[in-house]
Structures are given as C-alpha cells and as structure tokens.
Amino acid sequence: AIVLFPTAATEQHGPHLPVGTDHLILKELTD
C-alpha cells in the first residue's frame, strides 16, 4: 500500500480568491 498525506495552507490569495485556495485545489484533485 501507498499512503498519500495531503498538506496545504489557509492564506490570502489576493482580492479575488478565497483563503482556502490551496487546500480546496488539493481536495478537488484528490476527489
């Protein structure tokens, strides 16, 4: 078996993106 441990961030992404951008993108790719 192979375990993938996803790590991301919650941080500002300019005025147009949510602060959860990094982990929302990673979640979408995982899903």
PDB file of all heavy atoms in Angstrom:
ATOM      1  N   ALA A   1       0.823  -1.218   0.000  1.00  0.00           N
ATOM      2  CA  ALA A   1       0.000   0.000   0.000  1.00  0.00           C
ATOM      3  C   ALA A   1       0.853   1.263   0.000  1.00  0.00           C
ATOM      4  O   ALA A   1       1.991   1.280   0.471  1.00  0.00           O
ATOM      5  CB  ALA A   1      -0.921  -0.007   1.217  1.00  0.00           C
ATOM      6  N   ILE A   2       0.291   2.329  -0.553  1.00  0.00           N
ATOM      7  CA  ILE A   2       0.925   3.644  -0.558  1.00  0.00           C
ATOM      8  C   ILE A   2      -0.053   4.636   0.067  1.00  0.00           C
ATOM      9  O   ILE A   2      -1.208   4.730  -0.348  1.00  0.00           O
ATOM     10  CB  ILE A   2       1.274   4.091  -1.985  1.00  0.00           C
ATOM     11  CG1 ILE A   2       2.239   3.089  -2.639  1.00  0.00           C
ATOM     12  CG2 ILE A   2       1.886   5.491  -1.978  1.00  0.00           C
ATOM     13  CD1 ILE A   2       2.489   3.370  -4.106  1.00  0.00           C
ATOM     14  N   VAL A   3       0.419   5.354   1.078  1.00  0.00           N
ATOM     15  CA  VAL A   3      -0.387   6.395   1.718  1.00  0.00           C
ATOM     16  C   VAL A   3       0.090   7.759   1.236  1.00  0.00           C
ATOM     17  O   VAL A   3       1.285   8.062   1.268  1.00  0.00           O
ATOM     18  CB  VAL A   3      -0.281   6.317   3.258  1.00  0.00           C
ATOM     19  CG1 VAL A   3      -1.064   7.463   3.904  1.00  0.00           C
ATOM     20  CG2 VAL A   3      -0.791   4.975   3.772  1.00  0.00           C
ATOM     21  N   LEU A   4      -0.849   8.585   0.774  1.00  0.00           N
ATOM     22  CA  LEU A   4      -0.549   9.966   0.436  1.00  0.00           C
ATOM     23  C   LEU A   4      -1.070  10.861   1.553  1.00  0.00           C
ATOM     24  O   LEU A   4      -2.247  10.753   1.945  1.00  0.00           O
ATOM     25  CB  LEU A   4      -1.194  10.375  -0.887  1.00  0.00           C
ATOM     26  CG  LEU A   4      -0.571   9.770  -2.146  1.00  0.00           C
ATOM     27  CD1 LEU A   4      -1.226   8.436  -2.485  1.00  0.00           C
ATOM     28  CD2 LEU A   4      -0.692  10.734  -3.327  1.00  0.00           C
ATOM     29  N   PHE A   5      -0.213  11.709   2.098  1.00  0.00           N
ATOM     30  CA  PHE A   5      -0.583  12.627   3.170  1.00  0.00           C
ATOM     31  C   PHE A   5      -0.657  14.029   2.582  1.00  0.00           C
ATOM     32  O   PHE A   5       0.368  14.658   2.352  1.00  0.00           O
ATOM     33  CB  PHE A   5       0.463  12.534   4.281  1.00  0.00           C
ATOM     34  CG  PHE A   5       0.210  13.415   5.485  1.00  0.00           C
ATOM     35  CD1 PHE A   5      -1.009  14.050   5.687  1.00  0.00           C
ATOM     36  CD2 PHE A   5       1.213  13.603   6.417  1.00  0.00           C
ATOM     37  CE1 PHE A   5      -1.234  14.855   6.788  1.00  0.00           C
ATOM     38  CE2 PHE A   5       1.007  14.403   7.526  1.00  0.00           C
ATOM     39  CZ  PHE A   5      -0.218  15.033   7.716  1.00  0.00           C
ATOM     40  N   PRO A   6      -1.872  14.551   2.323  1.00  0.00           N
ATOM     41  CA  PRO A   6      -2.009  15.865   1.685  1.00  0.00           C
ATOM     42  C   PRO A   6      -1.766  17.005   2.684  1.00  0.00           C
ATOM     43  O   PRO A   6      -2.352  17.038   3.768  1.00  0.00           O
ATOM     44  CB  PRO A   6      -3.462  15.872   1.197  1.00  0.00           C
ATOM     45  CG  PRO A   6      -3.957  14.461   1.349  1.00  0.00           C
ATOM     46  CD  PRO A   6      -3.162  13.876   2.467  1.00  0.00           C
ATOM     47  N   THR A   7      -0.917  17.947   2.295  1.00  0.00           N
ATOM     48  CA  THR A   7      -0.646  19.118   3.120  1.00  0.00           C
ATOM     49  C   THR A   7      -0.873  20.367   2.284  1.00  0.00           C
ATOM     50  O   THR A   7      -0.474  20.432   1.121  1.00  0.00           O
ATOM     51  CB  THR A   7       0.797  19.107   3.658  1.00  0.00           C
ATOM     52  OG1 THR A   7       1.724  19.033   2.557  1.00  0.00           O
ATOM     53  CG2 THR A   7       1.024  17.899   4.568  1.00  0.00           C
ATOM     54  N   ALA A   8      -1.510  21.366   2.890  1.00  0.00           N
ATOM     55  CA  ALA A   8      -1.871  22.562   2.130  1.00  0.00           C
ATOM     56  C   ALA A   8      -1.706  23.799   3.014  1.00  0.00           C
ATOM     57  O   ALA A   8      -0.791  23.865   3.838  1.00  0.00           O
ATOM     58  CB  ALA A   8      -3.293  22.420   1.599  1.00  0.00           C
ATOM     59  N   ALA A   9      -2.581  24.775   2.843  1.00  0.00           N
ATOM     60  CA  ALA A   9      -2.472  26.015   3.592  1.00  0.00           C
ATOM     61  C   ALA A   9      -3.809  26.742   3.576  1.00  0.00           C
ATOM     62  O   ALA A   9      -4.673  26.482   2.742  1.00  0.00           O
ATOM     63  CB  ALA A   9      -1.392  26.922   2.990  1.00  0.00           C
ATOM     64  N   THR A  10      -3.963  27.667   4.531  1.00  0.00           N
ATOM     65  CA  THR A  10      -5.071  28.618   4.550  1.00  0.00           C
ATOM     66  C   THR A  10      -4.442  30.000   4.648  1.00  0.00           C
ATOM     67  O   THR A  10      -3.900  30.359   5.698  1.00  0.00           O
ATOM     68  CB  THR A  10      -6.011  28.353   5.741  1.00  0.00           C
ATOM     69  OG1 THR A  10      -6.555  27.026   5.632  1.00  0.00           O
ATOM     70  CG2 THR A  10      -7.154  29.357   5.765  1.00  0.00           C
ATOM     71  N   GLU A  11      -4.470  30.746   3.539  1.00  0.00           N
ATOM     72  CA  GLU A  11      -3.736  32.009   3.481  1.00  0.00           C
ATOM     73  C   GLU A  11      -4.324  32.898   2.396  1.00  0.00           C
ATOM     74  O   GLU A  11      -5.009  32.420   1.491  1.00  0.00           O
ATOM     75  CB  GLU A  11      -2.258  31.745   3.181  1.00  0.00           C
ATOM     76  CG  GLU A  11      -2.057  31.081   1.827  1.00  0.00           C
ATOM     77  CD  GLU A  11      -0.622  30.700   1.528  1.00  0.00           C
ATOM     78  OE1 GLU A  11       0.125  30.424   2.480  1.00  0.00           O
ATOM     79  OE2 GLU A  11      -0.263  30.666   0.336  1.00  0.00           O
ATOM     80  N   GLN A  12      -4.013  34.168   2.478  1.00  0.00           N
ATOM     81  CA  GLN A  12      -4.527  35.120   1.495  1.00  0.00           C
ATOM     82  C   GLN A  12      -4.086  34.758   0.088  1.00  0.00           C
ATOM     83  O   GLN A  12      -2.962  34.334  -0.154  1.00  0.00           O
ATOM     84  CB  GLN A  12      -4.069  36.531   1.855  1.00  0.00           C
ATOM     85  CG  GLN A  12      -2.614  36.844   1.589  1.00  0.00           C
ATOM     86  CD  GLN A  12      -2.326  37.281   0.169  1.00  0.00           C
ATOM     87  OE1 GLN A  12      -3.194  37.831  -0.531  1.00  0.00           O
ATOM     88  NE2 GLN A  12      -1.104  37.041  -0.287  1.00  0.00           N
ATOM     89  N   HIS A  13      -5.003  34.931  -0.857  1.00  0.00           N
ATOM     90  CA  HIS A  13      -4.719  34.728  -2.278  1.00  0.00           C
ATOM     91  C   HIS A  13      -5.265  35.910  -3.075  1.00  0.00           C
ATOM     92  O   HIS A  13      -6.053  35.750  -4.019  1.00  0.00           O
ATOM     93  CB  HIS A  13      -5.335  33.416  -2.773  1.00  0.00           C
ATOM     94  CG  HIS A  13      -4.480  32.216  -2.539  1.00  0.00           C
ATOM     95  ND1 HIS A  13      -4.332  31.649  -1.298  1.00  0.00           N
ATOM     96  CD2 HIS A  13      -3.702  31.482  -3.381  1.00  0.00           C
ATOM     97  CE1 HIS A  13      -3.508  30.605  -1.382  1.00  0.00           C
ATOM     98  NE2 HIS A  13      -3.119  30.491  -2.638  1.00  0.00           N
ATOM     99  N   GLY A  14      -4.806  37.116  -2.674  1.00  0.00           N
ATOM    100  CA  GLY A  14      -5.241  38.299  -3.388  1.00  0.00           C
ATOM    101  C   GLY A  14      -6.689  38.630  -3.107  1.00  0.00           C
ATOM    102  O   GLY A  14      -7.355  37.989  -2.286  1.00  0.00           O
ATOM    103  N   PRO A  15      -7.235  39.624  -3.813  1.00  0.00           N
ATOM    104  CA  PRO A  15      -8.616  40.036  -3.565  1.00  0.00           C
ATOM    105  C   PRO A  15      -9.664  39.141  -4.211  1.00  0.00           C
ATOM    106  O   PRO A  15     -10.844  39.251  -3.882  1.00  0.00           O
ATOM    107  CB  PRO A  15      -8.664  41.442  -4.188  1.00  0.00           C
ATOM    108  CG  PRO A  15      -7.635  41.413  -5.266  1.00  0.00           C
ATOM    109  CD  PRO A  15      -6.538  40.525  -4.774  1.00  0.00           C
ATOM    110  N   HIS A  16      -9.243  38.253  -5.114  1.00  0.00           N
ATOM    111  CA  HIS A  16     -10.231  37.545  -5.940  1.00  0.00           C
ATOM    112  C   HIS A  16     -10.417  36.074  -5.584  1.00  0.00           C
ATOM    113  O   HIS A  16     -11.372  35.447  -6.034  1.00  0.00           O
ATOM    114  CB  HIS A  16      -9.845  37.647  -7.418  1.00  0.00           C
ATOM    115  CG  HIS A  16      -8.593  36.906  -7.781  1.00  0.00           C
ATOM    116  ND1 HIS A  16      -7.348  37.289  -7.335  1.00  0.00           N
ATOM    117  CD2 HIS A  16      -8.386  35.787  -8.546  1.00  0.00           C
ATOM    118  CE1 HIS A  16      -6.435  36.459  -7.812  1.00  0.00           C
ATOM    119  NE2 HIS A  16      -7.038  35.548  -8.545  1.00  0.00           N
ATOM    120  N   LEU A  17      -9.525  35.508  -4.780  1.00  0.00           N
ATOM    121  CA  LEU A  17      -9.616  34.090  -4.428  1.00  0.00           C
ATOM    122  C   LEU A  17      -9.814  33.913  -2.928  1.00  0.00           C
ATOM    123  O   LEU A  17      -9.355  34.735  -2.125  1.00  0.00           O
ATOM    124  CB  LEU A  17      -8.339  33.351  -4.847  1.00  0.00           C
ATOM    125  CG  LEU A  17      -8.080  33.175  -6.340  1.00  0.00           C
ATOM    126  CD1 LEU A  17      -6.758  32.459  -6.566  1.00  0.00           C
ATOM    127  CD2 LEU A  17      -9.215  32.414  -7.016  1.00  0.00           C
ATOM    128  N   PRO A  18     -10.456  32.821  -2.505  1.00  0.00           N
ATOM    129  CA  PRO A  18     -10.640  32.571  -1.077  1.00  0.00           C
ATOM    130  C   PRO A  18      -9.340  32.151  -0.409  1.00  0.00           C
ATOM    131  O   PRO A  18      -8.408  31.673  -1.070  1.00  0.00           O
ATOM    132  CB  PRO A  18     -11.658  31.421  -1.060  1.00  0.00           C
ATOM    133  CG  PRO A  18     -11.438  30.700  -2.356  1.00  0.00           C
ATOM    134  CD  PRO A  18     -11.081  31.777  -3.349  1.00  0.00           C
ATOM    135  N   VAL A  19      -9.293  32.324   0.918  1.00  0.00           N
ATOM    136  CA  VAL A  19      -8.076  31.974   1.656  1.00  0.00           C
ATOM    137  C   VAL A  19      -7.838  30.462   1.663  1.00  0.00           C
ATOM    138  O   VAL A  19      -6.731  30.001   1.943  1.00  0.00           O
ATOM    139  CB  VAL A  19      -8.107  32.519   3.095  1.00  0.00           C
ATOM    140  CG1 VAL A  19      -8.125  34.035   3.088  1.00  0.00           C
ATOM    141  CG2 VAL A  19      -9.295  31.961   3.897  1.00  0.00           C
ATOM    142  N   GLY A  20      -8.858  29.688   1.351  1.00  0.00           N
ATOM    143  CA  GLY A  20      -8.707  28.235   1.314  1.00  0.00           C
ATOM    144  C   GLY A  20      -8.249  27.690  -0.028  1.00  0.00           C
ATOM    145  O   GLY A  20      -8.295  26.468  -0.242  1.00  0.00           O
ATOM    146  N   THR A  21      -7.786  28.544  -0.922  1.00  0.00           N
ATOM    147  CA  THR A  21      -7.462  28.132  -2.289  1.00  0.00           C
ATOM    148  C   THR A  21      -6.563  26.904  -2.345  1.00  0.00           C
ATOM    149  O   THR A  21      -6.850  25.937  -3.068  1.00  0.00           O
ATOM    150  CB  THR A  21      -6.813  29.299  -3.062  1.00  0.00           C
ATOM    151  OG1 THR A  21      -7.824  30.291  -3.321  1.00  0.00           O
ATOM    152  CG2 THR A  21      -6.226  28.840  -4.381  1.00  0.00           C
ATOM    153  N   ASP A  22      -5.464  26.902  -1.595  1.00  0.00           N
ATOM    154  CA  ASP A  22      -4.526  25.781  -1.676  1.00  0.00           C
ATOM    155  C   ASP A  22      -5.172  24.460  -1.299  1.00  0.00           C
ATOM    156  O   ASP A  22      -4.993  23.443  -1.982  1.00  0.00           O
ATOM    157  CB  ASP A  22      -3.308  26.032  -0.783  1.00  0.00           C
ATOM    158  CG  ASP A  22      -2.362  27.060  -1.360  1.00  0.00           C
ATOM    159  OD1 ASP A  22      -2.441  27.335  -2.565  1.00  0.00           O
ATOM    160  OD2 ASP A  22      -1.538  27.595  -0.594  1.00  0.00           O
ATOM    161  N   HIS A  23      -5.914  24.461  -0.189  1.00  0.00           N
ATOM    162  CA  HIS A  23      -6.483  23.158   0.213  1.00  0.00           C
ATOM    163  C   HIS A  23      -7.735  22.805  -0.569  1.00  0.00           C
ATOM    164  O   HIS A  23      -8.051  21.613  -0.758  1.00  0.00           O
ATOM    165  CB  HIS A  23      -6.675  23.063   1.736  1.00  0.00           C
ATOM    166  CG  HIS A  23      -7.754  23.897   2.338  1.00  0.00           C
ATOM    167  ND1 HIS A  23      -9.069  23.535   2.303  1.00  0.00           N
ATOM    168  CD2 HIS A  23      -7.697  25.039   3.058  1.00  0.00           C
ATOM    169  CE1 HIS A  23      -9.800  24.421   2.976  1.00  0.00           C
ATOM    170  NE2 HIS A  23      -8.990  25.354   3.435  1.00  0.00           N
ATOM    171  N   LEU A  24      -8.441  23.793  -1.108  1.00  0.00           N
ATOM    172  CA  LEU A  24      -9.587  23.484  -1.972  1.00  0.00           C
ATOM    173  C   LEU A  24      -9.130  22.860  -3.288  1.00  0.00           C
ATOM    174  O   LEU A  24      -9.751  21.921  -3.794  1.00  0.00           O
ATOM    175  CB  LEU A  24     -10.395  24.749  -2.237  1.00  0.00           C
ATOM    176  CG  LEU A  24     -11.154  25.313  -1.031  1.00  0.00           C
ATOM    177  CD1 LEU A  24     -11.704  26.695  -1.359  1.00  0.00           C
ATOM    178  CD2 LEU A  24     -12.270  24.375  -0.600  1.00  0.00           C
ATOM    179  N   ILE A  25      -8.032  23.368  -3.857  1.00  0.00           N
ATOM    180  CA  ILE A  25      -7.484  22.776  -5.076  1.00  0.00           C
ATOM    181  C   ILE A  25      -6.993  21.365  -4.815  1.00  0.00           C
ATOM    182  O   ILE A  25      -7.262  20.436  -5.596  1.00  0.00           O
ATOM    183  CB  ILE A  25      -6.348  23.647  -5.634  1.00  0.00           C
ATOM    184  CG1 ILE A  25      -6.909  24.960  -6.200  1.00  0.00           C
ATOM    185  CG2 ILE A  25      -5.565  22.899  -6.718  1.00  0.00           C
ATOM    186  CD1 ILE A  25      -5.851  25.975  -6.591  1.00  0.00           C
ATOM    187  N   LEU A  26      -6.283  21.165  -3.715  1.00  0.00           N
ATOM    188  CA  LEU A  26      -5.773  19.832  -3.392  1.00  0.00           C
ATOM    189  C   LEU A  26      -6.917  18.862  -3.126  1.00  0.00           C
ATOM    190  O   LEU A  26      -6.872  17.698  -3.542  1.00  0.00           O
ATOM    191  CB  LEU A  26      -4.839  19.911  -2.186  1.00  0.00           C
ATOM    192  CG  LEU A  26      -4.069  18.643  -1.831  1.00  0.00           C
ATOM    193  CD1 LEU A  26      -3.230  18.142  -2.999  1.00  0.00           C
ATOM    194  CD2 LEU A  26      -3.183  18.877  -0.611  1.00  0.00           C
ATOM    195  N   LYS A  27      -7.958  19.319  -2.445  1.00  0.00           N
ATOM    196  CA  LYS A  27      -9.128  18.467  -2.203  1.00  0.00           C
ATOM    197  C   LYS A  27      -9.787  18.073  -3.517  1.00  0.00           C
ATOM    198  O   LYS A  27     -10.186  16.914  -3.695  1.00  0.00           O
ATOM    199  CB  LYS A  27     -10.137  19.180  -1.310  1.00  0.00           C
ATOM    200  CG  LYS A  27     -11.401  18.358  -1.028  1.00  0.00           C
ATOM    201  CD  LYS A  27     -12.395  19.132  -0.198  1.00  0.00           C
ATOM    202  CE  LYS A  27     -13.623  18.273   0.114  1.00  0.00           C
ATOM    203  NZ  LYS A  27     -14.342  17.844  -1.105  1.00  0.00           N
ATOM    204  N   GLU A  28      -9.924  19.036  -4.435  1.00  0.00           N
ATOM    205  CA  GLU A  28     -10.551  18.738  -5.723  1.00  0.00           C
ATOM    206  C   GLU A  28      -9.744  17.695  -6.498  1.00  0.00           C
ATOM    207  O   GLU A  28     -10.317  16.765  -7.077  1.00  0.00           O
ATOM    208  CB  GLU A  28     -10.685  20.012  -6.549  1.00  0.00           C
ATOM    209  CG  GLU A  28     -11.331  19.832  -7.911  1.00  0.00           C
ATOM    210  CD  GLU A  28     -12.822  19.552  -7.849  1.00  0.00           C
ATOM    211  OE1 GLU A  28     -13.427  19.734  -6.755  1.00  0.00           O
ATOM    212  OE2 GLU A  28     -13.400  19.162  -8.886  1.00  0.00           O
ATOM    213  N   LEU A  29      -8.435  17.841  -6.494  1.00  0.00           N
ATOM    214  CA  LEU A  29      -7.600  16.868  -7.198  1.00  0.00           C
ATOM    215  C   LEU A  29      -7.718  15.494  -6.549  1.00  0.00           C
ATOM    216  O   LEU A  29      -7.842  14.475  -7.246  1.00  0.00           O
ATOM    217  CB  LEU A  29      -6.147  17.325  -7.218  1.00  0.00           C
ATOM    218  CG  LEU A  29      -5.147  16.345  -7.855  1.00  0.00           C
ATOM    219  CD1 LEU A  29      -5.567  15.944  -9.256  1.00  0.00           C
ATOM    220  CD2 LEU A  29      -3.745  16.947  -7.860  1.00  0.00           C
ATOM    221  N   THR A  30      -7.706  15.455  -5.228  1.00  0.00           N
ATOM    222  CA  THR A  30      -7.864  14.181  -4.516  1.00  0.00           C
ATOM    223  C   THR A  30      -9.212  13.546  -4.843  1.00  0.00           C
ATOM    224  O   THR A  30      -9.292  12.346  -5.140  1.00  0.00           O
ATOM    225  CB  THR A  30      -7.739  14.402  -3.002  1.00  0.00           C
ATOM    226  OG1 THR A  30      -6.450  14.936  -2.705  1.00  0.00           O
ATOM    227  CG2 THR A  30      -7.927  13.095  -2.246  1.00  0.00           C
ATOM    228  N   ASP A  31     -10.277  14.346  -4.797  1.00  0.00           N
ATOM    229  CA  ASP A  31     -11.618  13.823  -5.092  1.00  0.00           C
ATOM    230  C   ASP A  31     -11.683  13.272  -6.518  1.00  0.00           C
ATOM    231  O   ASP A  31     -12.259  12.202  -6.757  1.00  0.00           O
ATOM    232  CB  ASP A  31     -12.670  14.917  -4.928  1.00  0.00           C
ATOM    233  CG  ASP A  31     -12.901  15.304  -3.478  1.00  0.00           C
ATOM    234  OD1 ASP A  31     -12.451  14.570  -2.580  1.00  0.00           O
ATOM    235  OD2 ASP A  31     -13.520  16.366  -3.240  1.00  0.00           O
TER     236      ASP A  31
END
